[in-house]
Amino acid sequence: MIHQKSSFNLNNEISVSAFPNPNNGKFYIQVKNAERIDHIEVINIHGINVYKAYNDAHNDILVDITNQPSGLYLVRVSTNGKIQTTKVVKN
C-alpha cells in the first residue's frame, strides 16, 4: 500500500500535512511556516469532535484516534490565527 501525505497550503504561507494517509489511527500533523499550532481537532463524518489538542509548540504532533472506527475524518488545524482543514482516512 502506498501512503500519501494529505496537505493544504493557504496562499503559500502555511502548509499543513497529515501523514501517513491512510493510516491505522495514528498519524502526524506537520505545519510548515508557522511558529506553533494553536489547536487541532479531528472530526468524524457525523460532525462529532473525536480528538482535541491545544497550544502545542511542537511541529510534528502525533494524533491517536485508534479508538475510533475506520473511515474518513476531517482534521482542523488552527495556527497563526488561520484555520485549515485536511482529510485523513483511518483503515
C-alpha atoms as a PDB file:
ATOM      1  CA  MET A   1       0.000   0.000   0.000  1.00  0.00           C
ATOM      2  CA  ILE A   2       1.248   3.486  -0.817  1.00  0.00           C
ATOM      3  CA  HIS A   3       0.960   6.019   1.972  1.00  0.00           C
ATOM      4  CA  GLN A   4       0.415   9.578   0.885  1.00  0.00           C
ATOM      5  CA  LYS A   5       0.604  12.893   2.613  1.00  0.00           C
ATOM      6  CA  SER A   6      -2.578  14.924   2.755  1.00  0.00           C
ATOM      7  CA  SER A   7      -1.711  18.599   2.775  1.00  0.00           C
ATOM      8  CA  PHE A   8      -3.210  22.043   2.414  1.00  0.00           C
ATOM      9  CA  ASN A   9      -1.416  25.300   1.672  1.00  0.00           C
ATOM     10  CA  LEU A  10      -3.053  28.704   2.175  1.00  0.00           C
ATOM     11  CA  ASN A  11      -1.618  31.433  -0.082  1.00  0.00           C
ATOM     12  CA  ASN A  12       1.834  29.804   0.106  1.00  0.00           C
ATOM     13  CA  GLU A  13       2.063  30.957   3.734  1.00  0.00           C
ATOM     14  CA  ILE A  14       1.327  27.938   5.907  1.00  0.00           C
ATOM     15  CA  SER A  15       1.356  24.309   4.857  1.00  0.00           C
ATOM     16  CA  VAL A  16      -0.473  21.656   6.914  1.00  0.00           C
ATOM     17  CA  SER A  17       0.216  17.956   6.302  1.00  0.00           C
ATOM     18  CA  ALA A  18      -1.232  14.776   7.796  1.00  0.00           C
ATOM     19  CA  PHE A  19       0.786  11.592   7.312  1.00  0.00           C
ATOM     20  CA  PRO A  20       0.680   8.681   6.774  1.00  0.00           C
ATOM     21  CA  ASN A  21      -2.609   8.824   4.962  1.00  0.00           C
ATOM     22  CA  PRO A  22      -4.382   6.411   5.006  1.00  0.00           C
ATOM     23  CA  ASN A  23      -3.365   5.243   8.484  1.00  0.00           C
ATOM     24  CA  ASN A  24      -4.211   2.855  11.335  1.00  0.00           C
ATOM     25  CA  GLY A  25      -5.452   5.648  13.615  1.00  0.00           C
ATOM     26  CA  LYS A  26      -2.057   7.112  14.441  1.00  0.00           C
ATOM     27  CA  PHE A  27      -0.795   9.915  12.230  1.00  0.00           C
ATOM     28  CA  TYR A  28       1.276  13.069  12.419  1.00  0.00           C
ATOM     29  CA  ILE A  29       0.267  16.669  11.817  1.00  0.00           C
ATOM     30  CA  GLN A  30       3.022  18.861  10.461  1.00  0.00           C
ATOM     31  CA  VAL A  31       2.800  22.610   9.918  1.00  0.00           C
ATOM     32  CA  LYS A  32       5.404  24.470   7.893  1.00  0.00           C
ATOM     33  CA  ASN A  33       5.993  28.197   8.083  1.00  0.00           C
ATOM     34  CA  ALA A  34       4.276  28.543  11.470  1.00  0.00           C
ATOM     35  CA  GLU A  35       5.772  29.078  14.892  1.00  0.00           C
ATOM     36  CA  ARG A  36       3.253  26.927  16.732  1.00  0.00           C
ATOM     37  CA  ILE A  37      -0.007  25.068  16.460  1.00  0.00           C
ATOM     38  CA  ASP A  38      -2.784  26.695  18.494  1.00  0.00           C
ATOM     39  CA  HIS A  39      -5.131  23.710  18.370  1.00  0.00           C
ATOM     40  CA  ILE A  40      -6.011  20.578  16.429  1.00  0.00           C
ATOM     41  CA  GLU A  41      -9.436  18.982  16.130  1.00  0.00           C
ATOM     42  CA  VAL A  42     -10.358  15.701  14.454  1.00  0.00           C
ATOM     43  CA  ILE A  43     -13.996  15.433  13.393  1.00  0.00           C
ATOM     44  CA  ASN A  44     -15.786  12.285  12.212  1.00  0.00           C
ATOM     45  CA  ILE A  45     -18.271  12.125   9.325  1.00  0.00           C
ATOM     46  CA  HIS A  46     -21.146  12.766  11.755  1.00  0.00           C
ATOM     47  CA  GLY A  47     -19.633  16.106  12.787  1.00  0.00           C
ATOM     48  CA  ILE A  48     -18.566  14.856  16.211  1.00  0.00           C
ATOM     49  CA  ASN A  49     -15.233  16.057  17.550  1.00  0.00           C
ATOM     50  CA  VAL A  50     -13.245  12.916  18.466  1.00  0.00           C
ATOM     51  CA  TYR A  51      -9.855  14.492  19.267  1.00  0.00           C
ATOM     52  CA  LYS A  52      -8.595  17.865  20.544  1.00  0.00           C
ATOM     53  CA  ALA A  53      -5.148  19.186  21.381  1.00  0.00           C
ATOM     54  CA  TYR A  54      -4.329  22.757  22.426  1.00  0.00           C
ATOM     55  CA  ASN A  55      -1.333  25.091  22.434  1.00  0.00           C
ATOM     56  CA  ASP A  56       1.341  22.758  21.181  1.00  0.00           C
ATOM     57  CA  ALA A  57       4.648  24.380  20.323  1.00  0.00           C
ATOM     58  CA  HIS A  58       5.869  21.268  18.533  1.00  0.00           C
ATOM     59  CA  ASN A  59       5.763  20.963  14.775  1.00  0.00           C
ATOM     60  CA  ASP A  60       5.166  17.211  14.326  1.00  0.00           C
ATOM     61  CA  ILE A  61       2.246  16.211  16.526  1.00  0.00           C
ATOM     62  CA  LEU A  62       1.186  12.591  16.887  1.00  0.00           C
ATOM     63  CA  VAL A  63      -2.596  12.189  16.756  1.00  0.00           C
ATOM     64  CA  ASP A  64      -4.078   8.943  18.062  1.00  0.00           C
ATOM     65  CA  ILE A  65      -7.650   8.035  17.095  1.00  0.00           C
ATOM     66  CA  THR A  66      -7.142   4.253  17.251  1.00  0.00           C
ATOM     67  CA  ASN A  67     -10.223   4.016  19.485  1.00  0.00           C
ATOM     68  CA  GLN A  68     -12.386   5.354  16.628  1.00  0.00           C
ATOM     69  CA  PRO A  69     -13.917   3.300  13.798  1.00  0.00           C
ATOM     70  CA  SER A  70     -12.419   3.164  10.310  1.00  0.00           C
ATOM     71  CA  GLY A  71     -13.486   5.934   7.953  1.00  0.00           C
ATOM     72  CA  LEU A  72     -12.926   9.481   6.764  1.00  0.00           C
ATOM     73  CA  TYR A  73     -12.008  12.212   9.266  1.00  0.00           C
ATOM     74  CA  LEU A  74     -11.517  15.951   8.934  1.00  0.00           C
ATOM     75  CA  VAL A  75      -8.502  17.443  10.678  1.00  0.00           C
ATOM     76  CA  ARG A  76      -8.894  21.118  11.547  1.00  0.00           C
ATOM     77  CA  VAL A  77      -5.688  22.955  12.463  1.00  0.00           C
ATOM     78  CA  SER A  78      -5.598  26.467  13.886  1.00  0.00           C
ATOM     79  CA  THR A  79      -2.285  28.294  13.659  1.00  0.00           C
ATOM     80  CA  ASN A  80      -1.332  31.960  13.485  1.00  0.00           C
ATOM     81  CA  GLY A  81      -4.998  32.974  13.519  1.00  0.00           C
ATOM     82  CA  LYS A  82      -5.854  30.811  10.493  1.00  0.00           C
ATOM     83  CA  ILE A  83      -7.907  27.622  10.413  1.00  0.00           C
ATOM     84  CA  GLN A  84      -7.106  24.979   7.826  1.00  0.00           C
ATOM     85  CA  THR A  85      -8.763  21.630   7.223  1.00  0.00           C
ATOM     86  CA  THR A  86      -7.432  18.455   5.643  1.00  0.00           C
ATOM     87  CA  LYS A  87      -8.775  14.900   5.378  1.00  0.00           C
ATOM     88  CA  VAL A  88      -7.392  11.624   6.699  1.00  0.00           C
ATOM     89  CA  VAL A  89      -8.568   8.059   6.211  1.00  0.00           C
ATOM     90  CA  LYS A  90      -8.346   5.547   9.031  1.00  0.00           C
ATOM     91  CA  ASN A  91      -8.199   1.929   7.822  1.00  0.00           C
END
